[in-house]
Protein backbone atom coordinates (compact mmCIF):
# COMPACT_ATOMS: atom_id res chain seq x y z
CA MET A 1 -36.26 -8.41 -118.53
CA LEU A 2 -39.56 -9.56 -117.06
CA GLY A 3 -40.13 -7.50 -113.93
CA ILE A 4 -41.63 -7.65 -110.48
CA GLY A 5 -45.38 -8.30 -110.37
CA SER A 6 -45.41 -9.95 -113.79
CA LYS A 7 -46.77 -13.42 -114.32
CA PHE A 8 -43.93 -15.88 -115.00
CA PRO A 9 -44.43 -17.49 -118.42
CA GLU A 10 -45.71 -21.01 -118.89
CA PHE A 11 -42.87 -23.41 -119.59
CA ASN A 12 -42.47 -27.06 -120.55
CA LEU A 13 -38.80 -28.12 -120.57
CA THR A 14 -36.85 -31.34 -120.30
CA ALA A 15 -34.76 -31.53 -117.14
CA VAL A 16 -31.98 -33.68 -115.81
CA LEU A 17 -32.83 -34.63 -112.24
CA GLY A 18 -30.50 -35.46 -109.37
CA ASN A 19 -30.55 -39.17 -110.17
CA ASN A 20 -29.57 -38.35 -113.80
CA GLU A 21 -33.08 -39.26 -114.99
CA MET A 22 -34.61 -37.01 -117.64
CA LYS A 23 -38.11 -35.71 -117.11
CA VAL A 24 -40.32 -32.96 -118.53
CA VAL A 25 -40.89 -30.19 -115.99
CA ASN A 26 -43.52 -27.53 -116.55
CA SER A 27 -44.95 -24.48 -114.87
CA SER A 28 -47.51 -26.55 -112.94
CA SER A 29 -45.00 -29.17 -111.69
CA TYR A 30 -44.51 -27.29 -108.43
CA ASN A 31 -47.99 -25.90 -107.74
CA GLY A 32 -48.26 -24.27 -104.34
CA LYS A 33 -44.50 -23.80 -103.97
CA TRP A 34 -42.21 -20.85 -104.33
CA MET A 35 -39.71 -21.29 -107.15
CA VAL A 36 -36.17 -20.00 -107.36
CA PHE A 37 -35.47 -20.11 -111.08
CA PHE A 38 -31.96 -19.23 -112.16
CA PHE A 39 -30.27 -19.25 -115.54
CA TRP A 40 -26.60 -19.71 -116.33
CA PRO A 41 -24.94 -18.98 -119.68
CA LYS A 42 -23.33 -22.30 -120.60
CA ASP A 43 -22.40 -25.74 -119.34
CA PHE A 44 -18.73 -26.73 -119.16
CA THR A 45 -17.62 -23.23 -118.17
CA PHE A 46 -15.87 -21.69 -115.18
CA VAL A 47 -18.18 -19.37 -113.17
CA CYS A 48 -21.35 -21.42 -113.69
CA PRO A 49 -20.35 -24.51 -111.67
CA THR A 50 -19.44 -22.36 -108.67
CA GLU A 51 -22.93 -20.85 -108.63
CA ILE A 52 -24.78 -24.08 -109.37
CA SER A 53 -22.96 -25.92 -106.59
CA GLY A 54 -23.62 -22.94 -104.30
CA PHE A 55 -27.36 -23.37 -104.87
CA ALA A 56 -26.98 -27.15 -104.41
CA ASP A 57 -25.25 -26.60 -101.04
CA LEU A 58 -28.29 -24.61 -99.87
CA GLN A 59 -30.96 -26.83 -101.41
CA SER A 60 -32.26 -28.13 -98.07
CA GLU A 61 -32.55 -24.54 -96.81
CA PHE A 62 -34.69 -23.63 -99.83
CA GLU A 63 -36.77 -26.79 -99.38
CA ASP A 64 -37.34 -25.87 -95.69
CA ARG A 65 -39.00 -22.72 -97.03
CA SER A 66 -41.23 -24.64 -99.47
CA ALA A 67 -39.18 -23.40 -102.42
CA GLN A 68 -38.11 -25.41 -105.44
CA ILE A 69 -34.80 -24.55 -107.08
CA LEU A 70 -34.83 -24.76 -110.87
CA GLY A 71 -31.70 -24.10 -112.92
CA ALA A 72 -31.58 -23.65 -116.67
CA SER A 73 -29.39 -22.86 -119.63
CA MET A 74 -29.85 -23.09 -123.37
CA ASP A 75 -27.77 -26.28 -123.45
CA SER A 76 -29.60 -29.56 -124.12
CA GLU A 77 -30.50 -32.10 -121.47
CA PHE A 78 -27.79 -34.34 -122.94
CA VAL A 79 -25.15 -31.68 -122.39
CA HIS A 80 -26.43 -31.20 -118.80
CA LEU A 81 -26.16 -34.93 -118.22
CA ALA A 82 -22.65 -35.12 -119.67
CA TRP A 83 -21.61 -32.20 -117.43
CA LYS A 84 -23.09 -33.89 -114.34
CA LYS A 85 -21.08 -37.01 -115.13
CA ASP A 86 -17.88 -35.07 -115.88
CA ASN A 87 -17.81 -32.48 -113.08
CA ALA A 88 -17.90 -33.43 -109.38
CA GLN A 89 -19.44 -30.06 -108.38
CA ILE A 90 -22.28 -30.50 -110.87
CA GLY A 91 -22.61 -34.21 -110.18
CA LYS A 92 -23.93 -33.49 -106.67
CA VAL A 93 -26.78 -31.29 -107.97
CA ASN A 94 -30.20 -32.68 -107.03
CA PHE A 95 -32.48 -29.95 -108.35
CA PRO A 96 -33.75 -30.03 -111.94
CA MET A 97 -31.36 -28.69 -114.58
CA LEU A 98 -33.65 -27.56 -117.40
CA ALA A 99 -32.82 -27.43 -121.10
CA ASP A 100 -34.10 -24.20 -122.68
CA ILE A 101 -32.99 -25.35 -126.14
CA GLY A 102 -33.37 -22.50 -128.61
CA GLY A 103 -33.88 -20.07 -125.73
CA ASN A 104 -37.66 -19.69 -126.03
CA LEU A 105 -38.16 -19.18 -122.29
CA SER A 106 -35.07 -16.98 -122.09
CA SER A 107 -36.48 -14.86 -124.93
CA GLU A 108 -39.89 -14.57 -123.23
CA LEU A 109 -38.14 -13.41 -120.07
CA GLY A 110 -36.01 -10.92 -121.98
CA ILE A 111 -32.74 -12.51 -120.79
CA LYS A 112 -31.45 -14.06 -124.01
CA ASP A 113 -28.10 -12.52 -124.92
CA VAL A 114 -28.43 -12.58 -128.69
CA ASP A 115 -24.80 -11.60 -129.32
CA ALA A 116 -23.39 -14.36 -127.08
CA GLY A 117 -26.13 -16.89 -127.96
CA VAL A 118 -26.75 -17.74 -124.28
CA SER A 119 -29.09 -16.94 -121.41
CA GLN A 120 -27.94 -14.09 -119.23
CA ARG A 121 -27.07 -14.87 -115.62
CA ALA A 122 -30.60 -14.16 -114.32
CA THR A 123 -32.40 -15.12 -111.10
CA TYR A 124 -36.13 -15.04 -110.37
CA ILE A 125 -38.06 -15.74 -107.20
CA ILE A 126 -41.61 -16.70 -108.12
CA ASP A 127 -44.42 -16.97 -105.58
CA PRO A 128 -46.94 -19.87 -105.50
CA ASN A 129 -49.24 -17.86 -107.81
CA MET A 130 -46.50 -17.71 -110.49
CA VAL A 131 -45.91 -13.99 -109.86
CA VAL A 132 -42.35 -12.68 -110.10
CA ARG A 133 -41.40 -11.28 -106.70
CA TYR A 134 -37.66 -10.83 -107.34
CA ALA A 135 -35.59 -10.55 -110.51
CA SER A 136 -31.92 -9.83 -111.08
CA VAL A 137 -29.31 -10.27 -113.77
CA THR A 138 -25.54 -9.96 -113.56
CA ASP A 139 -22.80 -9.68 -116.14
CA LEU A 140 -21.87 -12.98 -117.79
CA ASN A 141 -18.52 -12.91 -115.95
CA VAL A 142 -19.93 -12.27 -112.45
CA GLY A 143 -21.37 -15.03 -110.27
CA ARG A 144 -24.36 -14.43 -108.01
CA ASN A 145 -24.68 -15.15 -104.29
CA PRO A 146 -27.11 -18.03 -103.46
CA GLU A 147 -27.08 -17.04 -99.77
CA GLU A 148 -28.39 -13.59 -100.74
CA VAL A 149 -31.12 -15.21 -102.85
CA LEU A 150 -32.11 -17.27 -99.79
CA ARG A 151 -32.14 -14.11 -97.62
CA ILE A 152 -34.40 -12.38 -100.14
CA LEU A 153 -36.73 -15.39 -100.21
CA ASP A 154 -36.94 -15.19 -96.40
CA ALA A 155 -37.76 -11.49 -96.59
CA LEU A 156 -40.45 -12.02 -99.23
CA GLN A 157 -42.03 -14.84 -97.25
CA ASN A 158 -41.89 -12.74 -94.07
CA GLY A 159 -44.30 -10.19 -95.52
CA GLY A 160 -43.05 -7.31 -93.36
CA LEU A 161 -40.87 -4.31 -94.07
CA CYS A 162 -37.37 -5.76 -94.03
CA PRO A 163 -34.49 -3.31 -93.58
CA VAL A 164 -31.06 -3.57 -95.17
CA ASN A 165 -29.25 -6.84 -94.42
CA TRP A 166 -32.34 -8.22 -92.65
CA LYS A 167 -32.12 -11.90 -91.80
CA LYS A 168 -34.78 -14.45 -90.91
CA GLY A 169 -35.76 -14.14 -87.25
CA GLU A 170 -34.85 -10.45 -86.96
CA SER A 171 -37.40 -7.70 -86.33
CA THR A 172 -39.03 -5.96 -89.26
CA LEU A 173 -39.75 -2.25 -89.45
CA ASN A 174 -42.95 -0.81 -88.02
CA PRO A 175 -43.82 2.53 -89.67
CA ASP A 176 -46.56 3.17 -87.08
CA ALA A 177 -44.17 3.05 -84.13
């Protein structure tokens, strides 16, 4: 898995947007912004919509922090669109749902589960210089916590030493004190 401090790979993927329009999104589409890039294994499944809608519920919070949410799986843009039309939780999603058909980006990131033929459940926080500042992956059966991803984004943007369970607005640690 691509680690902290690494440059996030260039990408050029077709996305389904909130208005159900399809558009190519690439690594320079969000210049100057933080990106929260998360991958789910498969559309039309059970754990994935709970996570995706969890990120959608917090989208304005991420936007307030100048961060763009990007979600992706190895399903096609047509499958994403069909899922948005079929599932009320997914239908409310307004961030780009990218189609990593063939799993090229997933492979570059080291998160392609070859045995299952899907992307692993991975999350990256990428700074405006396209440097990975946070990376995690969970078991295919275990959903992640979008509120924790938001807390980590806050901590990274804070720039200080953030203790356990630190939240935006709280004091950071001062090693010189």
